[in-house]
């Protein structure tokens, strides 16, 4: 089983939580890959340079200056810190953005109806799963950040959940694959004020019902939508769980 784990920004922002998570990730059996975004460091870095961060519906607007920040933080500082931490845990990890070996291509999102700037969307066939499998077959763990490219020299900022789902779908065409989204909650919650109100399973019908009820909203909508698409396209298991529970069986929310 090839396991792809996506780690959320709030865990990346917490050094102690990240250390605990990476120690657990290191114990996962091979083959595996890690996908990450950048957390709040890009926002802080932009502010230190006098750049305003603009968000629309929870998504970062990436103009030219913000793209430079995102590349420096996601593909640079955050990625290499994670790779170095995994090396200290005895892991042979390699940090990649989508342009490295052309592993993940994307298309710049249309400016209509909302112009998000240099933001990329990944299509079918845009992930080189054979390259990822070759790395893991040689004992190397890919650590993928949320920067992709268009194949014509342009880097693009891409939602990390979308990267994880796209990678999982591509790898699933070659080998049985599990996709795990790890973040700071125990799973998808029925009541955000009750940390224990985890919804154990969500299928497409339940997803539509929970959206209509307002229980699933904002950033959880694209996360679960992408997870359902991954299941539809051959990913065997998709789980949303707490980063501390990576190695805990039967925890979190299973997407089916």
C-alpha atoms as a PDB file:
ATOM      1  CA  UNK A   1       0.000   0.000   0.000  1.00  0.00           C
ATOM      2  CA  UNK A   2       1.358   3.406  -1.048  1.00  0.00           C
ATOM      3  CA  UNK A   3       0.443   6.003   1.609  1.00  0.00           C
ATOM      4  CA  UNK A   4       0.190   9.703   0.771  1.00  0.00           C
ATOM      5  CA  UNK A   5      -0.110  12.022   3.770  1.00  0.00           C
ATOM      6  CA  UNK A   6      -1.036  15.693   3.578  1.00  0.00           C
ATOM      7  CA  UNK A   7      -0.151  17.801   6.609  1.00  0.00           C
ATOM      8  CA  UNK A   8      -2.136  20.932   7.446  1.00  0.00           C
ATOM      9  CA  UNK A   9      -0.725  24.400   7.931  1.00  0.00           C
ATOM     10  CA  UNK A  10      -1.700  24.727  11.587  1.00  0.00           C
ATOM     11  CA  UNK A  11       0.515  21.742  12.408  1.00  0.00           C
ATOM     12  CA  UNK A  12       3.374  23.186  10.353  1.00  0.00           C
ATOM     13  CA  UNK A  13       3.027  26.412  12.357  1.00  0.00           C
ATOM     14  CA  UNK A  14       3.510  24.519  15.654  1.00  0.00           C
ATOM     15  CA  UNK A  15       7.111  23.239  15.946  1.00  0.00           C
ATOM     16  CA  UNK A  16       6.298  20.738  18.712  1.00  0.00           C
ATOM     17  CA  UNK A  17       3.268  19.346  16.853  1.00  0.00           C
ATOM     18  CA  UNK A  18       5.295  19.088  13.653  1.00  0.00           C
ATOM     19  CA  UNK A  19       8.099  17.178  15.398  1.00  0.00           C
ATOM     20  CA  UNK A  20       5.582  14.703  16.825  1.00  0.00           C
ATOM     21  CA  UNK A  21       3.897  14.257  13.474  1.00  0.00           C
ATOM     22  CA  UNK A  22       7.156  13.722  11.572  1.00  0.00           C
ATOM     23  CA  UNK A  23       8.291  11.133  14.117  1.00  0.00           C
ATOM     24  CA  UNK A  24       5.072   9.216  13.440  1.00  0.00           C
ATOM     25  CA  UNK A  25       5.374   9.710   9.688  1.00  0.00           C
ATOM     26  CA  UNK A  26       8.886   8.270   9.813  1.00  0.00           C
ATOM     27  CA  UNK A  27       7.436   5.094  11.340  1.00  0.00           C
ATOM     28  CA  UNK A  28       4.968   4.568   8.486  1.00  0.00           C
ATOM     29  CA  UNK A  29       5.990   1.686   6.243  1.00  0.00           C
ATOM     30  CA  UNK A  30       7.282   2.405   2.759  1.00  0.00           C
ATOM     31  CA  UNK A  31       6.261   3.403   0.150  1.00  0.00           C
ATOM     32  CA  UNK A  32       4.961   6.797   1.222  1.00  0.00           C
ATOM     33  CA  UNK A  33       4.972  10.475   0.295  1.00  0.00           C
ATOM     34  CA  UNK A  34       4.290  13.671   2.218  1.00  0.00           C
ATOM     35  CA  UNK A  35       2.469  16.749   0.868  1.00  0.00           C
ATOM     36  CA  UNK A  36       2.531  20.101   2.661  1.00  0.00           C
ATOM     37  CA  UNK A  37       1.563  23.731   2.269  1.00  0.00           C
ATOM     38  CA  UNK A  38       3.237  26.616   4.040  1.00  0.00           C
ATOM     39  CA  UNK A  39       1.109  27.586   7.011  1.00  0.00           C
ATOM     40  CA  UNK A  40       1.225  31.187   8.159  1.00  0.00           C
ATOM     41  CA  UNK A  41       4.927  31.719   7.479  1.00  0.00           C
ATOM     42  CA  UNK A  42       4.227  33.069   3.986  1.00  0.00           C
ATOM     43  CA  UNK A  43       1.854  35.652   5.475  1.00  0.00           C
ATOM     44  CA  UNK A  44       4.424  36.679   8.078  1.00  0.00           C
ATOM     45  CA  UNK A  45       7.192  36.836   5.474  1.00  0.00           C
ATOM     46  CA  UNK A  46       5.041  38.997   3.200  1.00  0.00           C
ATOM     47  CA  UNK A  47       4.215  41.362   6.076  1.00  0.00           C
ATOM     48  CA  UNK A  48       7.910  41.722   6.927  1.00  0.00           C
ATOM     49  CA  UNK A  49       8.475  42.891   3.335  1.00  0.00           C
ATOM     50  CA  UNK A  50       5.547  45.287   3.433  1.00  0.00           C
ATOM     51  CA  UNK A  51       3.280  43.142   1.251  1.00  0.00           C
ATOM     52  CA  UNK A  52      -0.416  42.789   2.058  1.00  0.00           C
ATOM     53  CA  UNK A  53      -1.901  39.301   1.996  1.00  0.00           C
ATOM     54  CA  UNK A  54      -5.263  39.166   0.216  1.00  0.00           C
ATOM     55  CA  UNK A  55      -7.624  36.240   0.757  1.00  0.00           C
ATOM     56  CA  UNK A  56     -10.861  35.489  -1.097  1.00  0.00           C
ATOM     57  CA  UNK A  57     -13.088  32.766   0.362  1.00  0.00           C
ATOM     58  CA  UNK A  58     -10.157  31.505   2.400  1.00  0.00           C
ATOM     59  CA  UNK A  59      -7.823  31.221  -0.608  1.00  0.00           C
ATOM     60  CA  UNK A  60      -4.681  33.287  -1.068  1.00  0.00           C
ATOM     61  CA  UNK A  61      -4.531  35.720  -3.981  1.00  0.00           C
ATOM     62  CA  UNK A  62      -1.115  35.176  -5.555  1.00  0.00           C
ATOM     63  CA  UNK A  63       0.208  38.148  -7.506  1.00  0.00           C
ATOM     64  CA  UNK A  64       3.793  38.199  -8.756  1.00  0.00           C
ATOM     65  CA  UNK A  65       5.295  39.371  -5.471  1.00  0.00           C
ATOM     66  CA  UNK A  66       3.243  36.906  -3.424  1.00  0.00           C
ATOM     67  CA  UNK A  67       4.249  34.076  -5.769  1.00  0.00           C
ATOM     68  CA  UNK A  68       7.897  34.831  -5.013  1.00  0.00           C
ATOM     69  CA  UNK A  69       7.109  34.628  -1.289  1.00  0.00           C
ATOM     70  CA  UNK A  70       5.180  31.367  -1.709  1.00  0.00           C
ATOM     71  CA  UNK A  71       8.003  29.749  -3.674  1.00  0.00           C
ATOM     72  CA  UNK A  72      10.615  30.857  -1.137  1.00  0.00           C
ATOM     73  CA  UNK A  73       8.578  29.635   1.818  1.00  0.00           C
ATOM     74  CA  UNK A  74       6.843  26.511   0.488  1.00  0.00           C
ATOM     75  CA  UNK A  75       9.497  25.098  -1.859  1.00  0.00           C
ATOM     76  CA  UNK A  76      12.382  26.527   0.174  1.00  0.00           C
ATOM     77  CA  UNK A  77      12.332  27.067   3.907  1.00  0.00           C
ATOM     78  CA  UNK A  78       9.360  24.904   4.918  1.00  0.00           C
ATOM     79  CA  UNK A  79      10.176  22.049   2.540  1.00  0.00           C
ATOM     80  CA  UNK A  80      13.844  21.869   3.516  1.00  0.00           C
ATOM     81  CA  UNK A  81      13.097  22.088   7.229  1.00  0.00           C
ATOM     82  CA  UNK A  82      10.799  19.072   6.871  1.00  0.00           C
ATOM     83  CA  UNK A  83      13.341  17.146   4.787  1.00  0.00           C
ATOM     84  CA  UNK A  84      16.080  17.899   7.325  1.00  0.00           C
ATOM     85  CA  UNK A  85      13.853  16.805  10.209  1.00  0.00           C
ATOM     86  CA  UNK A  86      13.074  13.530   8.436  1.00  0.00           C
ATOM     87  CA  UNK A  87      16.786  13.000   7.748  1.00  0.00           C
ATOM     88  CA  UNK A  88      17.402  13.341  11.486  1.00  0.00           C
ATOM     89  CA  UNK A  89      14.853  10.548  11.963  1.00  0.00           C
ATOM     90  CA  UNK A  90      16.739   8.249   9.603  1.00  0.00           C
ATOM     91  CA  UNK A  91      14.578   8.880   6.549  1.00  0.00           C
ATOM     92  CA  UNK A  92      15.944   9.275   3.026  1.00  0.00           C
ATOM     93  CA  UNK A  93      13.658  12.107   1.941  1.00  0.00           C
ATOM     94  CA  UNK A  94      13.843  14.415  -1.057  1.00  0.00           C
ATOM     95  CA  UNK A  95      12.038  17.740  -1.253  1.00  0.00           C
ATOM     96  CA  UNK A  96      10.249  18.536  -4.495  1.00  0.00           C
ATOM     97  CA  UNK A  97       8.101  21.213  -6.032  1.00  0.00           C
ATOM     98  CA  UNK A  98       6.053  20.414  -9.103  1.00  0.00           C
ATOM     99  CA  UNK A  99       8.739  21.752 -11.459  1.00  0.00           C
ATOM    100  CA  UNK A 100      11.379  19.309 -10.164  1.00  0.00           C
ATOM    101  CA  UNK A 101      11.634  16.588 -12.818  1.00  0.00           C
ATOM    102  CA  UNK A 102       8.299  17.975 -14.067  1.00  0.00           C
ATOM    103  CA  UNK A 103       6.516  15.896 -11.454  1.00  0.00           C
ATOM    104  CA  UNK A 104       3.345  18.042 -11.191  1.00  0.00           C
ATOM    105  CA  UNK A 105       2.119  20.319 -13.947  1.00  0.00           C
ATOM    106  CA  UNK A 106      -0.875  22.612 -13.712  1.00  0.00           C
ATOM    107  CA  UNK A 107      -2.791  25.228 -15.671  1.00  0.00           C
ATOM    108  CA  UNK A 108      -3.170  28.789 -14.459  1.00  0.00           C
ATOM    109  CA  UNK A 109      -6.709  29.264 -13.198  1.00  0.00           C
ATOM    110  CA  UNK A 110      -8.999  31.421 -15.291  1.00  0.00           C
ATOM    111  CA  UNK A 111      -9.365  34.989 -13.993  1.00  0.00           C
ATOM    112  CA  UNK A 112     -13.138  34.623 -14.303  1.00  0.00           C
ATOM    113  CA  UNK A 113     -15.156  34.897 -12.131  1.00  0.00           C
ATOM    114  CA  UNK A 114     -12.397  35.592  -9.572  1.00  0.00           C
ATOM    115  CA  UNK A 115      -8.779  36.393 -10.437  1.00  0.00           C
ATOM    116  CA  UNK A 116      -6.578  34.564  -7.933  1.00  0.00           C
ATOM    117  CA  UNK A 117      -3.410  35.437  -9.840  1.00  0.00           C
ATOM    118  CA  UNK A 118      -0.671  32.851 -10.294  1.00  0.00           C
ATOM    119  CA  UNK A 119      -2.715  29.915  -8.997  1.00  0.00           C
ATOM    120  CA  UNK A 120      -2.593  26.527 -10.677  1.00  0.00           C
ATOM    121  CA  UNK A 121      -5.196  23.810 -11.142  1.00  0.00           C
ATOM    122  CA  UNK A 122      -4.053  20.226 -11.712  1.00  0.00           C
ATOM    123  CA  UNK A 123      -5.722  18.149 -14.393  1.00  0.00           C
ATOM    124  CA  UNK A 124      -5.813  14.464 -15.200  1.00  0.00           C
ATOM    125  CA  UNK A 125      -2.424  13.208 -16.339  1.00  0.00           C
ATOM    126  CA  UNK A 126      -0.535  16.147 -14.799  1.00  0.00           C
ATOM    127  CA  UNK A 127       1.223  14.072 -12.098  1.00  0.00           C
ATOM    128  CA  UNK A 128       4.181  11.841 -13.005  1.00  0.00           C
ATOM    129  CA  UNK A 129       3.300   8.899 -10.771  1.00  0.00           C
ATOM    130  CA  UNK A 130       5.954   6.709 -12.405  1.00  0.00           C
ATOM    131  CA  UNK A 131       8.664   9.112 -11.210  1.00  0.00           C
ATOM    132  CA  UNK A 132       7.272   9.079  -7.662  1.00  0.00           C
ATOM    133  CA  UNK A 133       7.106   5.297  -7.698  1.00  0.00           C
ATOM    134  CA  UNK A 134      10.703   5.122  -8.948  1.00  0.00           C
ATOM    135  CA  UNK A 135      11.821   7.280  -6.022  1.00  0.00           C
ATOM    136  CA  UNK A 136      10.022   5.187  -3.442  1.00  0.00           C
ATOM    137  CA  UNK A 137      11.228   1.951  -5.062  1.00  0.00           C
ATOM    138  CA  UNK A 138      14.775   3.155  -4.407  1.00  0.00           C
ATOM    139  CA  UNK A 139      13.976   3.871  -0.755  1.00  0.00           C
ATOM    140  CA  UNK A 140      13.485   7.627  -1.101  1.00  0.00           C
ATOM    141  CA  UNK A 141      10.447   9.409   0.354  1.00  0.00           C
ATOM    142  CA  UNK A 142       9.141  12.371  -1.705  1.00  0.00           C
ATOM    143  CA  UNK A 143       8.196  15.505   0.232  1.00  0.00           C
ATOM    144  CA  UNK A 144       6.020  17.580  -2.096  1.00  0.00           C
ATOM    145  CA  UNK A 145       5.173  21.240  -1.580  1.00  0.00           C
ATOM    146  CA  UNK A 146       2.256  23.165  -3.068  1.00  0.00           C
ATOM    147  CA  UNK A 147       4.174  24.833  -5.900  1.00  0.00           C
ATOM    148  CA  UNK A 148       3.531  23.463  -9.401  1.00  0.00           C
ATOM    149  CA  UNK A 149       4.476  24.619 -12.916  1.00  0.00           C
ATOM    150  CA  UNK A 150       2.802  25.026 -16.285  1.00  0.00           C
ATOM    151  CA  UNK A 151       5.502  23.387 -18.408  1.00  0.00           C
ATOM    152  CA  UNK A 152       6.356  26.718 -20.035  1.00  0.00           C
ATOM    153  CA  UNK A 153       8.521  28.125 -17.253  1.00  0.00           C
ATOM    154  CA  UNK A 154       5.816  29.575 -14.998  1.00  0.00           C
ATOM    155  CA  UNK A 155       5.606  28.480 -11.359  1.00  0.00           C
ATOM    156  CA  UNK A 156       2.111  28.416  -9.854  1.00  0.00           C
ATOM    157  CA  UNK A 157       0.766  28.356  -6.296  1.00  0.00           C
ATOM    158  CA  UNK A 158      -1.582  25.384  -5.872  1.00  0.00           C
ATOM    159  CA  UNK A 159      -3.855  24.305  -3.038  1.00  0.00           C
ATOM    160  CA  UNK A 160      -2.013  21.626  -1.032  1.00  0.00           C
ATOM    161  CA  UNK A 161      -5.173  19.521  -0.565  1.00  0.00           C
ATOM    162  CA  UNK A 162      -5.592  19.522  -4.343  1.00  0.00           C
ATOM    163  CA  UNK A 163      -1.967  18.455  -4.778  1.00  0.00           C
ATOM    164  CA  UNK A 164      -2.444  15.558  -2.359  1.00  0.00           C
ATOM    165  CA  UNK A 165      -5.626  14.386  -4.072  1.00  0.00           C
ATOM    166  CA  UNK A 166      -4.084  14.636  -7.541  1.00  0.00           C
ATOM    167  CA  UNK A 167      -0.986  12.711  -6.465  1.00  0.00           C
ATOM    168  CA  UNK A 168      -3.106  10.011  -4.813  1.00  0.00           C
ATOM    169  CA  UNK A 169      -5.276   9.571  -7.918  1.00  0.00           C
ATOM    170  CA  UNK A 170      -2.223   9.288 -10.160  1.00  0.00           C
ATOM    171  CA  UNK A 171      -0.416   6.800  -7.925  1.00  0.00           C
ATOM    172  CA  UNK A 172      -3.598   4.743  -7.483  1.00  0.00           C
ATOM    173  CA  UNK A 173      -3.499   3.967 -11.198  1.00  0.00           C
ATOM    174  CA  UNK A 174      -0.260   2.066 -10.519  1.00  0.00           C
ATOM    175  CA  UNK A 175      -0.530   0.609  -7.008  1.00  0.00           C
ATOM    176  CA  UNK A 176      -3.103   0.398  -4.164  1.00  0.00           C
ATOM    177  CA  UNK A 177      -3.107   3.788  -2.457  1.00  0.00           C
ATOM    178  CA  UNK A 178      -4.269   5.373   0.796  1.00  0.00           C
ATOM    179  CA  UNK A 179      -4.649   9.146   1.208  1.00  0.00           C
ATOM    180  CA  UNK A 180      -4.554  10.678   4.695  1.00  0.00           C
ATOM    181  CA  UNK A 181      -5.296  14.320   5.477  1.00  0.00           C
ATOM    182  CA  UNK A 182      -3.785  15.242   8.848  1.00  0.00           C
ATOM    183  CA  UNK A 183      -4.694  18.451  10.630  1.00  0.00           C
ATOM    184  CA  UNK A 184      -5.418  19.817  14.109  1.00  0.00           C
ATOM    185  CA  UNK A 185      -8.851  18.226  14.657  1.00  0.00           C
ATOM    186  CA  UNK A 186      -9.860  14.622  15.352  1.00  0.00           C
ATOM    187  CA  UNK A 187     -11.729  14.419  12.043  1.00  0.00           C
ATOM    188  CA  UNK A 188     -14.665  16.123  10.368  1.00  0.00           C
ATOM    189  CA  UNK A 189     -16.749  17.481  13.236  1.00  0.00           C
ATOM    190  CA  UNK A 190     -20.525  17.681  13.422  1.00  0.00           C
ATOM    191  CA  UNK A 191     -20.171  20.496  15.963  1.00  0.00           C
ATOM    192  CA  UNK A 192     -17.029  22.640  15.751  1.00  0.00           C
ATOM    193  CA  UNK A 193     -17.421  23.491  19.447  1.00  0.00           C
ATOM    194  CA  UNK A 194     -17.346  19.794  20.400  1.00  0.00           C
ATOM    195  CA  UNK A 195     -13.959  18.251  19.619  1.00  0.00           C
ATOM    196  CA  UNK A 196     -15.353  14.750  20.098  1.00  0.00           C
ATOM    197  CA  UNK A 197     -18.224  15.078  17.592  1.00  0.00           C
ATOM    198  CA  UNK A 198     -16.352  13.273  14.834  1.00  0.00           C
ATOM    199  CA  UNK A 199     -18.423  12.066  11.875  1.00  0.00           C
ATOM    200  CA  UNK A 200     -17.042   8.539  11.316  1.00  0.00           C
ATOM    201  CA  UNK A 201     -17.852   8.173   7.608  1.00  0.00           C
ATOM    202  CA  UNK A 202     -18.922  10.499   4.804  1.00  0.00           C
ATOM    203  CA  UNK A 203     -20.094   9.404   1.367  1.00  0.00           C
ATOM    204  CA  UNK A 204     -21.251  11.708  -1.430  1.00  0.00           C
ATOM    205  CA  UNK A 205     -24.897  11.740  -0.301  1.00  0.00           C
ATOM    206  CA  UNK A 206     -23.888  12.583   3.266  1.00  0.00           C
ATOM    207  CA  UNK A 207     -21.538  15.277   1.966  1.00  0.00           C
ATOM    208  CA  UNK A 208     -24.347  17.033   0.089  1.00  0.00           C
ATOM    209  CA  UNK A 209     -26.640  16.789   3.115  1.00  0.00           C
ATOM    210  CA  UNK A 210     -24.000  18.103   5.545  1.00  0.00           C
ATOM    211  CA  UNK A 211     -23.195  20.992   3.201  1.00  0.00           C
ATOM    212  CA  UNK A 212     -26.865  21.927   2.981  1.00  0.00           C
ATOM    213  CA  UNK A 213     -27.070  21.870   6.781  1.00  0.00           C
ATOM    214  CA  UNK A 214     -24.009  24.114   7.074  1.00  0.00           C
ATOM    215  CA  UNK A 215     -22.092  21.484   9.044  1.00  0.00           C
ATOM    216  CA  UNK A 216     -19.479  21.174   6.313  1.00  0.00           C
ATOM    217  CA  UNK A 217     -18.468  24.640   5.136  1.00  0.00           C
ATOM    218  CA  UNK A 218     -15.591  26.890   4.064  1.00  0.00           C
ATOM    219  CA  UNK A 219     -12.261  25.096   3.632  1.00  0.00           C
ATOM    220  CA  UNK A 220     -13.669  21.666   4.448  1.00  0.00           C
ATOM    221  CA  UNK A 221     -15.801  21.720   1.271  1.00  0.00           C
ATOM    222  CA  UNK A 222     -12.913  21.502  -1.236  1.00  0.00           C
ATOM    223  CA  UNK A 223     -11.025  19.104   1.037  1.00  0.00           C
ATOM    224  CA  UNK A 224     -13.888  16.590   1.190  1.00  0.00           C
ATOM    225  CA  UNK A 225     -14.879  17.148  -2.434  1.00  0.00           C
ATOM    226  CA  UNK A 226     -11.329  16.302  -3.484  1.00  0.00           C
ATOM    227  CA  UNK A 227     -11.333  13.275  -1.207  1.00  0.00           C
ATOM    228  CA  UNK A 228     -14.560  11.964  -2.755  1.00  0.00           C
ATOM    229  CA  UNK A 229     -13.141  12.466  -6.247  1.00  0.00           C
ATOM    230  CA  UNK A 230     -10.050  10.504  -5.195  1.00  0.00           C
ATOM    231  CA  UNK A 231     -12.230   7.600  -4.029  1.00  0.00           C
ATOM    232  CA  UNK A 232     -14.198   7.721  -7.284  1.00  0.00           C
ATOM    233  CA  UNK A 233     -10.926   7.489  -9.218  1.00  0.00           C
ATOM    234  CA  UNK A 234      -9.483   4.471  -7.490  1.00  0.00           C
ATOM    235  CA  UNK A 235      -7.901   5.564  -4.211  1.00  0.00           C
ATOM    236  CA  UNK A 236      -8.692   2.706  -1.813  1.00  0.00           C
ATOM    237  CA  UNK A 237      -8.961   4.703   1.430  1.00  0.00           C
ATOM    238  CA  UNK A 238      -9.199   8.397   2.262  1.00  0.00           C
ATOM    239  CA  UNK A 239      -9.072   9.440   5.906  1.00  0.00           C
ATOM    240  CA  UNK A 240      -9.223  12.857   7.584  1.00  0.00           C
ATOM    241  CA  UNK A 241      -7.744  12.760  11.081  1.00  0.00           C
ATOM    242  CA  UNK A 242      -5.688  14.490  13.760  1.00  0.00           C
ATOM    243  CA  UNK A 243      -1.968  14.702  13.090  1.00  0.00           C
ATOM    244  CA  UNK A 244      -1.314  12.980  16.421  1.00  0.00           C
ATOM    245  CA  UNK A 245      -3.414   9.999  15.299  1.00  0.00           C
ATOM    246  CA  UNK A 246      -1.512   9.175  12.122  1.00  0.00           C
ATOM    247  CA  UNK A 247      -0.591   5.733  13.450  1.00  0.00           C
ATOM    248  CA  UNK A 248      -3.875   5.163  15.315  1.00  0.00           C
ATOM    249  CA  UNK A 249      -6.114   2.708  13.423  1.00  0.00           C
ATOM    250  CA  UNK A 250      -9.849   3.377  13.017  1.00  0.00           C
ATOM    251  CA  UNK A 251      -9.479   7.056  13.931  1.00  0.00           C
ATOM    252  CA  UNK A 252     -10.783  10.148  12.150  1.00  0.00           C
ATOM    253  CA  UNK A 253     -13.332  10.389   9.351  1.00  0.00           C
ATOM    254  CA  UNK A 254     -13.314   7.903   6.492  1.00  0.00           C
ATOM    255  CA  UNK A 255     -14.390   9.249   3.093  1.00  0.00           C
ATOM    256  CA  UNK A 256     -16.132   6.596   1.019  1.00  0.00           C
END
